[in-house]
Amino acid sequence: MRIEKNPSFNDKLFSILKYIAINNPANAKNFKKELDKKITALVNMPFKYRQSIYHDDINVRDLVFKGYTITYIIDNDMIVIIDIFKWENR
């Protein structure tokens, strides 16, 4: 199984990291490192996280991480990371 990140996800993540880095660049690096670990681990257990509360599809999941929701789709042999957002901004 492989992981693909949607360009929109990458853009939003970059904006989040820039915002975190304003006050503490080390926290931004740590946030990215920990998030990358969680995303990489999806290969072994793609259904680990809850079914998305934003989509009515069992293959769309929500990984909640430090106040952010990362939405991804499980599609045969691929996981597509589609979005990242703060829950209160949804």
N, C-alpha and C. Protein backbone atom coordinates (compact mmCIF):
# COMPACT_ATOMS: atom_id res chain seq x y z
N MET A 1 0.85 -1.18 0.00
CA MET A 1 0.00 0.00 0.00
C MET A 1 0.89 1.24 0.00
N ARG A 2 0.51 2.23 -0.78
CA ARG A 2 1.30 3.46 -0.82
C ARG A 2 0.46 4.65 -0.39
N ILE A 3 1.14 5.72 -0.03
CA ILE A 3 0.47 6.93 0.44
C ILE A 3 0.71 8.05 -0.57
N GLU A 4 -0.37 8.73 -0.91
CA GLU A 4 -0.28 9.89 -1.80
C GLU A 4 -0.92 11.09 -1.08
N LYS A 5 -0.26 12.23 -1.19
CA LYS A 5 -0.78 13.44 -0.55
C LYS A 5 -1.31 14.39 -1.61
N ASN A 6 -2.55 14.78 -1.44
CA ASN A 6 -3.20 15.73 -2.34
C ASN A 6 -2.47 17.08 -2.27
N PRO A 7 -2.28 17.76 -3.40
CA PRO A 7 -1.62 19.08 -3.37
C PRO A 7 -2.28 20.08 -2.42
N SER A 8 -3.59 20.02 -2.30
CA SER A 8 -4.30 20.91 -1.38
C SER A 8 -3.88 20.63 0.07
N PHE A 9 -3.74 19.36 0.41
CA PHE A 9 -3.26 18.98 1.75
C PHE A 9 -1.88 19.57 1.99
N ASN A 10 -0.99 19.41 1.03
CA ASN A 10 0.38 19.93 1.18
C ASN A 10 0.39 21.44 1.37
N ASP A 11 -0.44 22.15 0.62
CA ASP A 11 -0.52 23.61 0.75
C ASP A 11 -1.01 24.02 2.13
N LYS A 12 -2.06 23.36 2.60
CA LYS A 12 -2.62 23.69 3.92
C LYS A 12 -1.62 23.35 5.03
N LEU A 13 -0.95 22.21 4.90
CA LEU A 13 0.05 21.83 5.91
C LEU A 13 1.17 22.85 5.95
N PHE A 14 1.63 23.31 4.80
CA PHE A 14 2.69 24.32 4.74
C PHE A 14 2.25 25.59 5.47
N SER A 15 1.02 26.01 5.26
CA SER A 15 0.50 27.21 5.94
C SER A 15 0.46 27.02 7.46
N ILE A 16 0.03 25.85 7.89
CA ILE A 16 -0.02 25.55 9.32
C ILE A 16 1.39 25.57 9.92
N LEU A 17 2.33 24.95 9.23
CA LEU A 17 3.71 24.91 9.73
C LEU A 17 4.32 26.31 9.78
N LYS A 18 4.03 27.13 8.78
CA LYS A 18 4.51 28.52 8.79
C LYS A 18 3.97 29.27 10.00
N TYR A 19 2.70 29.08 10.29
CA TYR A 19 2.07 29.75 11.43
C TYR A 19 2.69 29.29 12.75
N ILE A 20 2.89 27.99 12.91
CA ILE A 20 3.50 27.47 14.14
C ILE A 20 4.92 27.99 14.28
N ALA A 21 5.65 28.06 13.18
CA ALA A 21 7.06 28.47 13.20
C ALA A 21 7.25 29.94 13.58
N ILE A 22 6.22 30.75 13.45
CA ILE A 22 6.34 32.17 13.83
C ILE A 22 6.80 32.28 15.28
N ASN A 23 6.18 31.50 16.16
CA ASN A 23 6.51 31.54 17.58
C ASN A 23 7.60 30.56 17.98
N ASN A 24 7.65 29.41 17.29
CA ASN A 24 8.60 28.39 17.70
C ASN A 24 8.91 27.45 16.53
N PRO A 25 9.99 27.71 15.81
CA PRO A 25 10.36 26.85 14.68
C PRO A 25 10.56 25.38 15.06
N ALA A 26 11.07 25.14 16.25
CA ALA A 26 11.28 23.75 16.69
C ALA A 26 9.95 23.01 16.82
N ASN A 27 8.92 23.71 17.30
CA ASN A 27 7.60 23.08 17.40
C ASN A 27 7.04 22.74 16.02
N ALA A 28 7.29 23.59 15.05
CA ALA A 28 6.82 23.31 13.68
C ALA A 28 7.49 22.06 13.13
N LYS A 29 8.80 21.93 13.34
CA LYS A 29 9.53 20.74 12.88
C LYS A 29 9.01 19.49 13.58
N ASN A 30 8.79 19.60 14.89
CA ASN A 30 8.31 18.47 15.66
C ASN A 30 6.89 18.07 15.23
N PHE A 31 6.04 19.05 14.98
CA PHE A 31 4.68 18.79 14.50
C PHE A 31 4.74 17.99 13.20
N LYS A 32 5.54 18.44 12.26
CA LYS A 32 5.65 17.76 10.96
C LYS A 32 6.21 16.34 11.12
N LYS A 33 7.24 16.21 11.95
CA LYS A 33 7.86 14.90 12.16
C LYS A 33 6.86 13.90 12.76
N GLU A 34 6.13 14.32 13.78
CA GLU A 34 5.15 13.44 14.42
C GLU A 34 3.99 13.12 13.48
N LEU A 35 3.54 14.11 12.73
CA LEU A 35 2.45 13.87 11.78
C LEU A 35 2.90 12.90 10.69
N ASP A 36 4.11 13.07 10.18
CA ASP A 36 4.63 12.16 9.16
C ASP A 36 4.67 10.72 9.68
N LYS A 37 5.03 10.53 10.95
CA LYS A 37 5.05 9.19 11.54
C LYS A 37 3.66 8.57 11.54
N LYS A 38 2.67 9.37 11.95
CA LYS A 38 1.29 8.88 11.99
C LYS A 38 0.80 8.51 10.59
N ILE A 39 1.10 9.36 9.63
CA ILE A 39 0.66 9.11 8.25
C ILE A 39 1.36 7.87 7.69
N THR A 40 2.65 7.74 7.92
CA THR A 40 3.39 6.57 7.43
C THR A 40 2.85 5.28 8.04
N ALA A 41 2.46 5.33 9.30
CA ALA A 41 1.93 4.14 9.98
C ALA A 41 0.60 3.67 9.40
N LEU A 42 -0.09 4.52 8.66
CA LEU A 42 -1.36 4.14 8.05
C LEU A 42 -1.21 2.95 7.11
N VAL A 43 -0.04 2.77 6.54
CA VAL A 43 0.21 1.67 5.61
C VAL A 43 -0.10 0.33 6.29
N ASN A 44 0.25 0.20 7.57
CA ASN A 44 0.05 -1.05 8.29
C ASN A 44 -1.37 -1.21 8.83
N MET A 45 -2.03 -0.11 9.16
CA MET A 45 -3.38 -0.17 9.72
C MET A 45 -4.23 0.98 9.16
N PRO A 46 -4.63 0.91 7.92
CA PRO A 46 -5.35 2.04 7.32
C PRO A 46 -6.70 2.35 7.97
N PHE A 47 -7.33 1.36 8.60
CA PHE A 47 -8.64 1.59 9.22
C PHE A 47 -8.52 1.90 10.71
N LYS A 48 -7.33 2.25 11.17
CA LYS A 48 -7.09 2.51 12.59
C LYS A 48 -7.94 3.67 13.12
N TYR A 49 -8.11 4.69 12.34
CA TYR A 49 -8.82 5.89 12.79
C TYR A 49 -10.29 5.85 12.40
N ARG A 50 -11.07 6.69 13.04
CA ARG A 50 -12.53 6.66 12.90
C ARG A 50 -12.98 6.95 11.47
N GLN A 51 -14.18 6.43 11.17
CA GLN A 51 -14.81 6.80 9.90
C GLN A 51 -15.09 8.30 9.96
N SER A 52 -14.91 8.96 8.85
CA SER A 52 -15.06 10.42 8.81
C SER A 52 -16.47 10.84 9.22
N ILE A 53 -16.53 11.88 10.05
CA ILE A 53 -17.83 12.45 10.41
C ILE A 53 -18.26 13.48 9.37
N TYR A 54 -17.39 13.76 8.41
CA TYR A 54 -17.68 14.75 7.37
C TYR A 54 -18.10 14.12 6.05
N HIS A 55 -17.90 12.81 5.92
CA HIS A 55 -18.22 12.10 4.67
C HIS A 55 -18.95 10.81 5.02
N ASP A 56 -19.90 10.43 4.21
CA ASP A 56 -20.68 9.22 4.43
C ASP A 56 -20.10 8.07 3.61
N ASP A 57 -18.89 7.66 3.96
CA ASP A 57 -18.20 6.60 3.23
C ASP A 57 -17.24 5.92 4.20
N ILE A 58 -17.36 4.62 4.35
CA ILE A 58 -16.53 3.88 5.30
C ILE A 58 -15.04 3.96 4.97
N ASN A 59 -14.71 4.24 3.73
CA ASN A 59 -13.31 4.33 3.32
C ASN A 59 -12.70 5.71 3.51
N VAL A 60 -13.49 6.65 3.96
CA VAL A 60 -12.97 8.00 4.26
C VAL A 60 -12.82 8.08 5.78
N ARG A 61 -11.61 8.38 6.24
CA ARG A 61 -11.29 8.34 7.66
C ARG A 61 -10.77 9.69 8.14
N ASP A 62 -10.86 9.90 9.45
CA ASP A 62 -10.35 11.11 10.09
C ASP A 62 -9.28 10.75 11.11
N LEU A 63 -8.08 11.21 10.87
CA LEU A 63 -7.00 11.08 11.84
C LEU A 63 -6.97 12.41 12.60
N VAL A 64 -7.20 12.37 13.90
CA VAL A 64 -7.18 13.59 14.71
C VAL A 64 -5.81 13.69 15.36
N PHE A 65 -5.16 14.85 15.16
CA PHE A 65 -3.78 15.04 15.62
C PHE A 65 -3.60 16.47 16.10
N LYS A 66 -3.38 16.63 17.41
CA LYS A 66 -3.09 17.93 18.02
C LYS A 66 -4.09 19.01 17.61
N GLY A 67 -5.37 18.68 17.66
CA GLY A 67 -6.40 19.66 17.34
C GLY A 67 -6.73 19.79 15.86
N TYR A 68 -6.02 19.07 15.02
CA TYR A 68 -6.26 19.10 13.57
C TYR A 68 -6.87 17.77 13.13
N THR A 69 -7.70 17.83 12.12
CA THR A 69 -8.25 16.62 11.52
C THR A 69 -7.61 16.44 10.15
N ILE A 70 -7.06 15.25 9.95
CA ILE A 70 -6.46 14.90 8.66
C ILE A 70 -7.40 13.87 8.03
N THR A 71 -8.00 14.21 6.93
CA THR A 71 -8.95 13.33 6.26
C THR A 71 -8.22 12.58 5.15
N TYR A 72 -8.48 11.26 5.11
CA TYR A 72 -7.85 10.45 4.07
C TYR A 72 -8.82 9.40 3.54
N ILE A 73 -8.53 8.94 2.33
CA ILE A 73 -9.36 7.94 1.65
C ILE A 73 -8.53 6.68 1.46
N ILE A 74 -9.14 5.54 1.78
CA ILE A 74 -8.51 4.25 1.52
C ILE A 74 -9.09 3.74 0.21
N ASP A 75 -8.22 3.56 -0.78
CA ASP A 75 -8.67 3.16 -2.11
C ASP A 75 -7.80 2.02 -2.61
N ASN A 76 -8.29 0.79 -2.43
CA ASN A 76 -7.57 -0.42 -2.83
C ASN A 76 -6.17 -0.45 -2.23
N ASP A 77 -5.14 -0.25 -3.03
CA ASP A 77 -3.76 -0.33 -2.53
C ASP A 77 -3.15 1.05 -2.31
N MET A 78 -3.99 2.06 -2.12
CA MET A 78 -3.48 3.42 -1.96
C MET A 78 -4.27 4.15 -0.87
N ILE A 79 -3.55 5.00 -0.14
CA ILE A 79 -4.16 5.91 0.83
C ILE A 79 -3.91 7.32 0.31
N VAL A 80 -4.97 8.08 0.16
CA VAL A 80 -4.85 9.45 -0.34
C VAL A 80 -5.19 10.42 0.80
N ILE A 81 -4.21 11.22 1.19
CA ILE A 81 -4.41 12.22 2.23
C ILE A 81 -5.01 13.44 1.53
N ILE A 82 -6.24 13.81 1.92
CA ILE A 82 -6.93 14.84 1.14
C ILE A 82 -7.06 16.19 1.83
N ASP A 83 -7.02 16.22 3.17
CA ASP A 83 -7.28 17.51 3.81
C ASP A 83 -6.70 17.55 5.22
N ILE A 84 -6.44 18.75 5.70
CA ILE A 84 -6.07 18.99 7.09
C ILE A 84 -6.72 20.30 7.50
N PHE A 85 -7.36 20.28 8.67
CA PHE A 85 -8.04 21.49 9.14
C PHE A 85 -8.24 21.42 10.64
N LYS A 86 -8.40 22.58 11.25
CA LYS A 86 -8.78 22.67 12.66
C LYS A 86 -10.26 22.36 12.75
N TRP A 87 -10.65 21.54 13.70
CA TRP A 87 -12.05 21.11 13.76
C TRP A 87 -13.01 22.29 13.89
N GLU A 88 -12.62 23.34 14.61
CA GLU A 88 -13.55 24.46 14.78
C GLU A 88 -13.68 25.32 13.54
N ASN A 89 -12.80 25.12 12.56
CA ASN A 89 -12.86 25.88 11.31
C ASN A 89 -13.68 25.17 10.24
N ARG A 90 -14.23 24.05 10.56
CA ARG A 90 -14.95 23.24 9.58
C ARG A 90 -16.40 23.58 9.57
